[in-house]
Amino acid sequence: MDYKYYMGLALEQAKKVFNKGEFPVGCVIVEAGKVIANGARSGTANGQHIFSETDHAEIRALKQIEAGSRPITFGNLTLFSTMEPCLMCFGAILLSGINTIVYAYEDPMGGGTKCDLKKLPPLYAKAKIDVIPGVLRQKSLDLFYDFFNKETNLYWKNSYLERYTLEQKKIKRDQNK
C-alpha cells in the first residue's frame, strides 16, 4: 500500500478545514486500496464560543462508514490521519476493528497510540493493531505550524502542543542551516 499517497489524501482533507479556520486534522480510511471514508476536524474555528471535542476527523470518518450501505470487512482497514489519534479516537478505532493506523505528526500532548494495550481491560488488550508513525510528517508539521501562527486561531493556543509544534519547526530550520 502506498502510505504517502493515502496520507496525501488525508492532508487534502486537513487543508480544506485549515482554510476554514479549523484545526488541520484530516483522515481517510482505506479498504483494499480504495478510500471508503474520510473526515476532517470540525468545531474549532474562529468565532465559535464552545469548541467541540467530539468532532475529530477519525470519529467523523468512522461515522461515515457506519452511515454507509455497503458491507465493510473490518480487520482489513487502514486509517490515515494527519495527526496521531487522541485517546478517544484510538479507543474508537480499536473497537471498530481497524487493524492499521498510519499517522503523519505525533501528538505529544494527547496522542493515544502509545498506550500499553496489555494494561487495559480485555476489550482493548486483545486488539491487534499496527501503528505506523511519521508518514509525510514534515508536510503535516508545516500545516500545524501555520495554524498555530495565525493569531485568529484560538484552539489549543498557548498549549504544550503549540509550543512543541513551534519548537519542531525551529529544530528543522536549524538542521537546514
N, C-alpha and C. Protein backbone atom coordinates (compact mmCIF):
# COMPACT_ATOMS: atom_id res chain seq x y z
N MET A 1 0.85 -1.18 0.00
CA MET A 1 0.00 0.00 0.00
C MET A 1 0.89 1.24 0.00
N ASP A 2 0.52 2.21 -0.75
CA ASP A 2 1.29 3.45 -0.88
C ASP A 2 0.87 4.43 0.22
N TYR A 3 1.56 4.34 1.36
CA TYR A 3 1.21 5.16 2.53
C TYR A 3 1.27 6.65 2.22
N LYS A 4 2.26 7.08 1.45
CA LYS A 4 2.39 8.50 1.15
C LYS A 4 1.20 9.01 0.32
N TYR A 5 0.74 8.21 -0.60
CA TYR A 5 -0.40 8.61 -1.44
C TYR A 5 -1.63 8.85 -0.56
N TYR A 6 -1.97 7.87 0.29
CA TYR A 6 -3.17 7.99 1.11
C TYR A 6 -3.01 9.08 2.18
N MET A 7 -1.80 9.25 2.69
CA MET A 7 -1.59 10.35 3.64
C MET A 7 -1.76 11.68 2.92
N GLY A 8 -1.37 11.74 1.66
CA GLY A 8 -1.61 12.94 0.87
C GLY A 8 -3.09 13.28 0.78
N LEU A 9 -3.92 12.25 0.67
CA LEU A 9 -5.37 12.47 0.64
C LEU A 9 -5.87 12.98 1.99
N ALA A 10 -5.32 12.45 3.07
CA ALA A 10 -5.68 12.94 4.41
C ALA A 10 -5.24 14.39 4.57
N LEU A 11 -4.07 14.72 4.04
CA LEU A 11 -3.60 16.11 4.09
C LEU A 11 -4.51 17.04 3.29
N GLU A 12 -5.06 16.57 2.19
CA GLU A 12 -6.02 17.38 1.44
C GLU A 12 -7.24 17.70 2.29
N GLN A 13 -7.73 16.72 3.05
CA GLN A 13 -8.85 16.95 3.96
C GLN A 13 -8.47 18.01 5.01
N ALA A 14 -7.25 17.89 5.54
CA ALA A 14 -6.79 18.82 6.56
C ALA A 14 -6.66 20.24 6.00
N LYS A 15 -6.18 20.36 4.79
CA LYS A 15 -6.02 21.69 4.18
C LYS A 15 -7.37 22.36 3.94
N LYS A 16 -8.36 21.57 3.59
CA LYS A 16 -9.70 22.14 3.37
C LYS A 16 -10.23 22.78 4.65
N VAL A 17 -10.09 22.07 5.77
CA VAL A 17 -10.62 22.65 7.01
C VAL A 17 -9.70 23.74 7.56
N PHE A 18 -8.41 23.64 7.31
CA PHE A 18 -7.48 24.71 7.70
C PHE A 18 -7.92 26.01 7.04
N ASN A 19 -8.29 25.94 5.77
CA ASN A 19 -8.73 27.14 5.04
C ASN A 19 -10.03 27.72 5.59
N LYS A 20 -10.76 26.93 6.39
CA LYS A 20 -11.97 27.41 7.05
C LYS A 20 -11.70 27.82 8.49
N GLY A 21 -10.42 27.78 8.89
CA GLY A 21 -10.05 28.18 10.25
C GLY A 21 -10.09 27.06 11.27
N GLU A 22 -10.29 25.83 10.80
CA GLU A 22 -10.35 24.68 11.71
C GLU A 22 -8.96 24.11 11.98
N PHE A 23 -8.84 23.38 13.07
CA PHE A 23 -7.62 22.66 13.41
C PHE A 23 -7.37 21.63 12.31
N PRO A 24 -6.17 21.63 11.67
CA PRO A 24 -5.97 20.89 10.42
C PRO A 24 -5.69 19.40 10.57
N VAL A 25 -6.71 18.67 10.99
CA VAL A 25 -6.59 17.22 11.04
C VAL A 25 -7.52 16.64 9.99
N GLY A 26 -6.94 15.80 9.12
CA GLY A 26 -7.71 15.11 8.10
C GLY A 26 -7.47 13.62 8.21
N CYS A 27 -8.41 12.85 7.71
CA CYS A 27 -8.35 11.40 7.86
C CYS A 27 -9.00 10.73 6.65
N VAL A 28 -8.43 9.63 6.22
CA VAL A 28 -9.09 8.74 5.25
C VAL A 28 -8.98 7.31 5.76
N ILE A 29 -9.98 6.52 5.43
CA ILE A 29 -9.97 5.10 5.77
C ILE A 29 -10.00 4.33 4.45
N VAL A 30 -9.09 3.36 4.36
CA VAL A 30 -8.88 2.63 3.10
C VAL A 30 -9.16 1.14 3.31
N GLU A 31 -9.88 0.58 2.34
CA GLU A 31 -10.11 -0.87 2.31
C GLU A 31 -9.72 -1.36 0.93
N ALA A 32 -8.81 -2.32 0.88
CA ALA A 32 -8.38 -2.93 -0.38
C ALA A 32 -7.99 -1.88 -1.42
N GLY A 33 -7.24 -0.87 -1.00
CA GLY A 33 -6.74 0.14 -1.92
C GLY A 33 -7.74 1.21 -2.31
N LYS A 34 -8.93 1.19 -1.72
CA LYS A 34 -9.97 2.17 -2.06
C LYS A 34 -10.35 2.96 -0.81
N VAL A 35 -10.43 4.29 -0.96
CA VAL A 35 -10.88 5.14 0.14
C VAL A 35 -12.37 4.92 0.32
N ILE A 36 -12.77 4.51 1.52
CA ILE A 36 -14.18 4.25 1.79
C ILE A 36 -14.80 5.30 2.72
N ALA A 37 -13.95 6.12 3.34
CA ALA A 37 -14.46 7.18 4.22
C ALA A 37 -13.38 8.22 4.40
N ASN A 38 -13.83 9.43 4.69
CA ASN A 38 -12.89 10.49 5.03
C ASN A 38 -13.53 11.39 6.08
N GLY A 39 -12.69 12.14 6.73
CA GLY A 39 -13.20 13.05 7.74
C GLY A 39 -12.19 14.15 7.98
N ALA A 40 -12.67 15.24 8.56
CA ALA A 40 -11.82 16.36 8.90
C ALA A 40 -12.34 16.97 10.19
N ARG A 41 -11.44 17.55 10.93
CA ARG A 41 -11.77 18.15 12.23
C ARG A 41 -12.78 19.25 12.05
N SER A 42 -13.69 19.35 12.99
CA SER A 42 -14.71 20.38 12.97
C SER A 42 -14.92 20.88 14.39
N GLY A 43 -15.42 22.10 14.50
CA GLY A 43 -15.77 22.62 15.82
C GLY A 43 -14.66 23.39 16.51
N THR A 44 -13.67 23.86 15.76
CA THR A 44 -12.55 24.59 16.38
C THR A 44 -12.34 25.97 15.77
N ALA A 45 -13.14 26.33 14.78
CA ALA A 45 -12.89 27.56 14.01
C ALA A 45 -13.12 28.82 14.82
N ASN A 46 -12.51 29.88 14.34
CA ASN A 46 -12.64 31.20 14.97
C ASN A 46 -14.11 31.54 15.15
N GLY A 47 -14.37 32.28 16.20
CA GLY A 47 -15.72 32.75 16.43
C GLY A 47 -16.61 31.76 17.14
N GLN A 48 -16.21 30.52 17.24
CA GLN A 48 -17.03 29.55 17.97
C GLN A 48 -16.79 29.76 19.45
N HIS A 49 -17.87 29.85 20.19
CA HIS A 49 -17.75 30.12 21.62
C HIS A 49 -17.45 28.86 22.41
N ILE A 50 -17.88 27.74 21.88
CA ILE A 50 -17.64 26.46 22.55
C ILE A 50 -16.98 25.53 21.54
N PHE A 51 -15.80 25.03 21.88
CA PHE A 51 -15.13 24.09 21.00
C PHE A 51 -15.76 22.72 21.16
N SER A 52 -15.87 21.99 20.06
CA SER A 52 -16.38 20.63 20.11
C SER A 52 -15.21 19.66 20.26
N GLU A 53 -15.28 18.83 21.25
CA GLU A 53 -14.21 17.86 21.46
C GLU A 53 -14.59 16.45 21.02
N THR A 54 -15.66 16.33 20.25
CA THR A 54 -16.01 15.02 19.72
C THR A 54 -16.02 14.98 18.19
N ASP A 55 -15.92 16.13 17.55
CA ASP A 55 -15.91 16.17 16.09
C ASP A 55 -14.50 16.03 15.52
N HIS A 56 -13.84 14.96 15.92
CA HIS A 56 -12.49 14.69 15.43
C HIS A 56 -12.57 14.03 14.06
N ALA A 57 -11.53 14.20 13.27
CA ALA A 57 -11.50 13.67 11.90
C ALA A 57 -11.75 12.16 11.88
N GLU A 58 -11.11 11.45 12.79
CA GLU A 58 -11.23 9.99 12.82
C GLU A 58 -12.66 9.56 13.16
N ILE A 59 -13.27 10.23 14.12
CA ILE A 59 -14.65 9.90 14.52
C ILE A 59 -15.60 10.20 13.36
N ARG A 60 -15.39 11.31 12.70
CA ARG A 60 -16.25 11.67 11.57
C ARG A 60 -16.13 10.63 10.44
N ALA A 61 -14.91 10.14 10.19
CA ALA A 61 -14.72 9.11 9.16
C ALA A 61 -15.39 7.79 9.59
N LEU A 62 -15.26 7.42 10.86
CA LEU A 62 -15.90 6.20 11.35
C LEU A 62 -17.43 6.31 11.22
N LYS A 63 -17.96 7.46 11.52
CA LYS A 63 -19.41 7.66 11.39
C LYS A 63 -19.85 7.58 9.93
N GLN A 64 -19.01 8.01 9.03
CA GLN A 64 -19.32 7.90 7.60
C GLN A 64 -19.43 6.42 7.20
N ILE A 65 -18.55 5.60 7.74
CA ILE A 65 -18.64 4.15 7.47
C ILE A 65 -19.94 3.59 8.03
N GLU A 66 -20.27 3.98 9.26
CA GLU A 66 -21.50 3.49 9.89
C GLU A 66 -22.73 3.85 9.07
N ALA A 67 -22.72 5.03 8.47
CA ALA A 67 -23.87 5.51 7.71
C ALA A 67 -23.94 4.88 6.31
N GLY A 68 -22.86 4.23 5.89
CA GLY A 68 -22.82 3.64 4.55
C GLY A 68 -23.70 2.42 4.43
N SER A 69 -23.97 2.06 3.20
CA SER A 69 -24.88 0.93 2.96
C SER A 69 -24.15 -0.34 2.53
N ARG A 70 -22.89 -0.23 2.19
CA ARG A 70 -22.19 -1.43 1.73
C ARG A 70 -21.49 -2.12 2.89
N PRO A 71 -21.37 -3.44 2.82
CA PRO A 71 -20.69 -4.17 3.90
C PRO A 71 -19.19 -3.86 3.92
N ILE A 72 -18.66 -3.77 5.10
CA ILE A 72 -17.25 -3.47 5.32
C ILE A 72 -16.59 -4.69 5.97
N THR A 73 -15.40 -5.02 5.53
CA THR A 73 -14.64 -6.10 6.15
C THR A 73 -13.73 -5.51 7.20
N PHE A 74 -14.24 -5.40 8.42
CA PHE A 74 -13.42 -4.85 9.49
C PHE A 74 -12.26 -5.80 9.75
N GLY A 75 -11.15 -5.26 10.16
CA GLY A 75 -9.93 -6.04 10.31
C GLY A 75 -9.11 -6.00 9.04
N ASN A 76 -9.64 -5.34 8.02
CA ASN A 76 -8.94 -5.22 6.75
C ASN A 76 -8.90 -3.75 6.31
N LEU A 77 -8.91 -2.86 7.31
CA LEU A 77 -8.96 -1.44 7.03
C LEU A 77 -7.71 -0.74 7.55
N THR A 78 -7.31 0.32 6.85
CA THR A 78 -6.19 1.15 7.28
C THR A 78 -6.68 2.58 7.41
N LEU A 79 -6.39 3.20 8.53
CA LEU A 79 -6.78 4.58 8.79
C LEU A 79 -5.54 5.46 8.68
N PHE A 80 -5.66 6.54 7.92
CA PHE A 80 -4.59 7.52 7.74
C PHE A 80 -5.04 8.83 8.37
N SER A 81 -4.21 9.41 9.23
CA SER A 81 -4.55 10.67 9.87
C SER A 81 -3.34 11.59 9.88
N THR A 82 -3.61 12.88 9.71
CA THR A 82 -2.50 13.85 9.68
C THR A 82 -1.91 14.09 11.06
N MET A 83 -2.62 13.67 12.11
CA MET A 83 -2.10 13.76 13.46
C MET A 83 -2.41 12.46 14.19
N GLU A 84 -1.51 12.09 15.07
CA GLU A 84 -1.71 10.89 15.88
C GLU A 84 -3.08 10.96 16.56
N PRO A 85 -3.88 9.90 16.44
CA PRO A 85 -5.19 9.91 17.09
C PRO A 85 -5.09 10.07 18.61
N CYS A 86 -6.03 10.83 19.14
CA CYS A 86 -6.09 11.02 20.59
C CYS A 86 -6.62 9.74 21.24
N LEU A 87 -6.69 9.74 22.53
CA LEU A 87 -7.13 8.57 23.27
C LEU A 87 -8.57 8.19 22.92
N MET A 88 -9.45 9.18 22.78
CA MET A 88 -10.84 8.91 22.41
C MET A 88 -10.90 8.22 21.05
N CYS A 89 -10.21 8.79 20.08
CA CYS A 89 -10.23 8.24 18.72
C CYS A 89 -9.56 6.87 18.67
N PHE A 90 -8.46 6.73 19.39
CA PHE A 90 -7.75 5.45 19.42
C PHE A 90 -8.68 4.35 19.94
N GLY A 91 -9.42 4.65 21.01
CA GLY A 91 -10.37 3.66 21.54
C GLY A 91 -11.43 3.30 20.52
N ALA A 92 -11.97 4.30 19.83
CA ALA A 92 -13.00 4.04 18.80
C ALA A 92 -12.42 3.23 17.64
N ILE A 93 -11.19 3.54 17.26
CA ILE A 93 -10.54 2.81 16.17
C ILE A 93 -10.34 1.35 16.56
N LEU A 94 -9.88 1.12 17.80
CA LEU A 94 -9.69 -0.26 18.27
C LEU A 94 -11.00 -1.03 18.24
N LEU A 95 -12.06 -0.41 18.72
CA LEU A 95 -13.36 -1.09 18.77
C LEU A 95 -13.95 -1.32 17.39
N SER A 96 -13.56 -0.50 16.42
CA SER A 96 -14.11 -0.64 15.07
C SER A 96 -13.47 -1.78 14.29
N GLY A 97 -12.36 -2.31 14.77
CA GLY A 97 -11.72 -3.41 14.07
C GLY A 97 -10.72 -2.99 13.01
N ILE A 98 -10.41 -1.71 12.96
CA ILE A 98 -9.36 -1.25 12.04
C ILE A 98 -8.05 -1.85 12.53
N ASN A 99 -7.25 -2.38 11.60
CA ASN A 99 -6.04 -3.07 12.06
C ASN A 99 -4.75 -2.29 11.82
N THR A 100 -4.81 -1.15 11.13
CA THR A 100 -3.60 -0.36 10.92
C THR A 100 -3.93 1.12 11.01
N ILE A 101 -3.12 1.84 11.76
CA ILE A 101 -3.20 3.30 11.84
C ILE A 101 -1.89 3.84 11.29
N VAL A 102 -2.00 4.77 10.36
CA VAL A 102 -0.84 5.47 9.82
C VAL A 102 -1.07 6.94 10.12
N TYR A 103 -0.11 7.57 10.79
CA TYR A 103 -0.27 9.00 11.05
C TYR A 103 0.98 9.76 10.67
N ALA A 104 0.79 11.07 10.45
CA ALA A 104 1.87 11.92 9.99
C ALA A 104 2.62 12.57 11.16
N TYR A 105 1.90 13.29 11.99
CA TYR A 105 2.51 14.11 13.03
C TYR A 105 2.10 13.60 14.40
N GLU A 106 3.07 13.41 15.26
CA GLU A 106 2.80 12.92 16.61
C GLU A 106 2.08 13.98 17.44
N ASP A 107 1.28 13.52 18.37
CA ASP A 107 0.60 14.43 19.29
C ASP A 107 1.17 14.21 20.68
N PRO A 108 2.18 15.01 21.06
CA PRO A 108 2.84 14.80 22.35
C PRO A 108 1.95 15.15 23.54
N MET A 109 0.88 15.88 23.27
CA MET A 109 0.00 16.33 24.35
C MET A 109 -1.16 15.36 24.58
N GLY A 110 -1.67 14.76 23.51
CA GLY A 110 -2.87 13.94 23.68
C GLY A 110 -2.92 12.69 22.85
N GLY A 111 -1.81 12.32 22.22
CA GLY A 111 -1.80 11.12 21.38
C GLY A 111 -2.08 9.87 22.19
N GLY A 112 -2.84 8.98 21.61
CA GLY A 112 -3.24 7.77 22.34
C GLY A 112 -2.59 6.49 21.87
N THR A 113 -1.84 6.52 20.77
CA THR A 113 -1.37 5.26 20.18
C THR A 113 -0.22 4.61 20.95
N LYS A 114 0.34 5.32 21.89
CA LYS A 114 1.45 4.74 22.66
C LYS A 114 0.97 4.06 23.94
N CYS A 115 -0.34 3.98 24.11
CA CYS A 115 -0.89 3.29 25.28
C CYS A 115 -0.48 1.83 25.27
N ASP A 116 -0.15 1.33 26.43
CA ASP A 116 0.18 -0.09 26.56
C ASP A 116 -1.13 -0.86 26.66
N LEU A 117 -1.55 -1.42 25.54
CA LEU A 117 -2.84 -2.11 25.50
C LEU A 117 -2.92 -3.27 26.48
N LYS A 118 -1.81 -3.89 26.78
CA LYS A 118 -1.81 -5.05 27.69
C LYS A 118 -2.25 -4.66 29.10
N LYS A 119 -2.15 -3.38 29.43
CA LYS A 119 -2.54 -2.92 30.76
C LYS A 119 -4.01 -2.46 30.81
N LEU A 120 -4.69 -2.53 29.68
CA LEU A 120 -6.08 -2.11 29.61
C LEU A 120 -7.00 -3.31 29.76
N PRO A 121 -8.29 -3.08 29.99
CA PRO A 121 -9.24 -4.18 30.08
C PRO A 121 -9.23 -5.03 28.81
N PRO A 122 -9.72 -6.29 28.91
CA PRO A 122 -9.64 -7.25 27.80
C PRO A 122 -10.17 -6.75 26.46
N LEU A 123 -11.22 -5.96 26.48
CA LEU A 123 -11.79 -5.46 25.24
C LEU A 123 -10.73 -4.76 24.38
N TYR A 124 -9.84 -4.03 25.01
CA TYR A 124 -8.79 -3.30 24.31
C TYR A 124 -7.48 -4.10 24.27
N ALA A 125 -7.21 -4.82 25.33
CA ALA A 125 -5.94 -5.55 25.43
C ALA A 125 -5.80 -6.60 24.33
N LYS A 126 -6.90 -7.13 23.85
CA LYS A 126 -6.86 -8.17 22.83
C LYS A 126 -6.83 -7.60 21.41
N ALA A 127 -6.94 -6.30 21.29
CA ALA A 127 -6.95 -5.68 19.96
C ALA A 127 -5.58 -5.86 19.30
N LYS A 128 -5.62 -6.16 18.04
CA LYS A 128 -4.39 -6.29 17.25
C LYS A 128 -4.35 -5.11 16.30
N ILE A 129 -3.37 -4.25 16.48
CA ILE A 129 -3.29 -3.06 15.65
C ILE A 129 -1.84 -2.69 15.39
N ASP A 130 -1.56 -2.32 14.16
CA ASP A 130 -0.24 -1.82 13.79
C ASP A 130 -0.32 -0.30 13.71
N VAL A 131 0.70 0.36 14.24
CA VAL A 131 0.75 1.83 14.20
C VAL A 131 2.02 2.23 13.46
N ILE A 132 1.84 3.02 12.41
CA ILE A 132 2.97 3.47 11.59
C ILE A 132 3.02 5.00 11.66
N PRO A 133 3.99 5.54 12.40
CA PRO A 133 4.08 7.00 12.57
C PRO A 133 4.97 7.67 11.54
N GLY A 134 4.80 8.97 11.40
CA GLY A 134 5.76 9.81 10.67
C GLY A 134 5.65 9.85 9.16
N VAL A 135 4.56 9.33 8.58
CA VAL A 135 4.42 9.35 7.11
C VAL A 135 4.00 10.78 6.69
N LEU A 136 4.83 11.42 5.90
CA LEU A 136 4.65 12.82 5.47
C LEU A 136 4.58 13.75 6.68
N ARG A 137 5.38 13.44 7.70
CA ARG A 137 5.39 14.22 8.93
C ARG A 137 5.66 15.70 8.67
N GLN A 138 6.66 16.00 7.84
CA GLN A 138 7.04 17.40 7.62
C GLN A 138 5.89 18.20 7.02
N LYS A 139 5.16 17.62 6.08
CA LYS A 139 4.04 18.35 5.47
C LYS A 139 2.95 18.62 6.50
N SER A 140 2.71 17.66 7.37
CA SER A 140 1.72 17.86 8.40
C SER A 140 2.21 18.89 9.43
N LEU A 141 3.47 18.77 9.82
CA LEU A 141 4.07 19.75 10.75
C LEU A 141 3.92 21.15 10.19
N ASP A 142 4.20 21.33 8.90
CA ASP A 142 4.09 22.65 8.28
C ASP A 142 2.67 23.21 8.42
N LEU A 143 1.69 22.35 8.25
CA LEU A 143 0.29 22.79 8.34
C LEU A 143 -0.06 23.19 9.78
N PHE A 144 0.37 22.39 10.74
CA PHE A 144 0.11 22.73 12.15
C PHE A 144 0.87 23.99 12.55
N TYR A 145 2.07 24.14 12.05
CA TYR A 145 2.85 25.35 12.31
C TYR A 145 2.11 26.58 11.79
N ASP A 146 1.59 26.49 10.58
CA ASP A 146 0.83 27.60 10.01
C ASP A 146 -0.42 27.89 10.84
N PHE A 147 -1.07 26.84 11.32
CA PHE A 147 -2.26 27.01 12.15
C PHE A 147 -1.92 27.79 13.42
N PHE A 148 -0.89 27.35 14.10
CA PHE A 148 -0.54 28.00 15.37
C PHE A 148 0.03 29.40 15.18
N ASN A 149 0.48 29.72 14.00
CA ASN A 149 0.99 31.07 13.74
C ASN A 149 -0.08 32.06 13.31
N LYS A 150 -1.29 31.61 13.12
CA LYS A 150 -2.40 32.53 12.81
C LYS A 150 -2.95 33.07 14.12
N GLU A 151 -2.89 34.37 14.29
CA GLU A 151 -3.36 34.97 15.54
C GLU A 151 -4.84 34.72 15.79
N THR A 152 -5.60 34.55 14.73
CA THR A 152 -7.04 34.35 14.89
C THR A 152 -7.40 32.95 15.38
N ASN A 153 -6.49 32.01 15.27
CA ASN A 153 -6.76 30.65 15.73
C ASN A 153 -6.55 30.56 17.24
N LEU A 154 -7.59 30.23 17.94
CA LEU A 154 -7.53 30.16 19.40
C LEU A 154 -7.46 28.74 19.93
N TYR A 155 -7.75 27.78 19.09
CA TYR A 155 -7.79 26.38 19.55
C TYR A 155 -6.40 25.92 19.95
N TRP A 156 -6.27 25.43 21.15
CA TRP A 156 -5.02 24.98 21.75
C TRP A 156 -3.94 26.08 21.79
N LYS A 157 -4.39 27.33 21.80
CA LYS A 157 -3.47 28.46 21.92
C LYS A 157 -2.74 28.37 23.26
N ASN A 158 -1.43 28.58 23.22
CA ASN A 158 -0.56 28.55 24.41
C ASN A 158 -0.51 27.18 25.08
N SER A 159 -0.81 26.14 24.33
CA SER A 159 -0.78 24.78 24.87
C SER A 159 0.60 24.16 24.67
N TYR A 160 0.79 23.03 25.30
CA TYR A 160 2.02 22.27 25.09
C TYR A 160 2.15 21.88 23.62
N LEU A 161 1.04 21.53 22.98
CA LEU A 161 1.08 21.15 21.57
C LEU A 161 1.56 22.31 20.70
N GLU A 162 1.08 23.50 20.97
CA GLU A 162 1.52 24.66 20.21
C GLU A 162 3.03 24.89 20.41
N ARG A 163 3.48 24.88 21.64
CA ARG A 163 4.92 25.10 21.92
C ARG A 163 5.77 24.02 21.27
N TYR A 164 5.34 22.78 21.36
CA TYR A 164 6.07 21.66 20.77
C TYR A 164 6.16 21.83 19.25
N THR A 165 5.04 22.18 18.62
CA THR A 165 5.00 22.34 17.16
C THR A 165 5.92 23.46 16.71
N LEU A 166 5.87 24.59 17.38
CA LEU A 166 6.74 25.71 17.03
C LEU A 166 8.21 25.34 17.21
N GLU A 167 8.51 24.58 18.25
CA GLU A 167 9.89 24.14 18.51
C GLU A 167 10.35 23.14 17.43
N GLN A 168 9.46 22.24 17.02
CA GLN A 168 9.82 21.26 15.98
C GLN A 168 10.19 21.96 14.69
N LYS A 169 9.47 22.99 14.36
CA LYS A 169 9.75 23.76 13.14
C LYS A 169 11.10 24.46 13.26
N LYS A 170 11.38 24.99 14.45
CA LYS A 170 12.66 25.67 14.69
C LYS A 170 13.81 24.67 14.57
N ILE A 171 13.64 23.49 15.11
CA ILE A 171 14.68 22.44 15.02
C ILE A 171 14.94 22.11 13.56
N LYS A 172 13.89 21.98 12.78
CA LYS A 172 14.04 21.66 11.35
C LYS A 172 14.80 22.78 10.62
N ARG A 173 14.46 24.04 10.92
CA ARG A 173 15.16 25.16 10.29
C ARG A 173 16.64 25.15 10.66
N ASP A 174 16.93 24.89 11.93
CA ASP A 174 18.32 24.87 12.40
C ASP A 174 19.12 23.74 11.73
N GLN A 175 18.47 22.61 11.48
CA GLN A 175 19.12 21.49 10.82
C GLN A 175 19.45 21.83 9.37
N ASN A 176 18.66 22.66 8.77
CA ASN A 176 18.85 23.01 7.36
C ASN A 176 19.85 24.14 7.14
N LYS A 177 20.36 24.70 8.21
CA LYS A 177 21.34 25.80 8.07
C LYS A 177 22.69 25.29 7.68
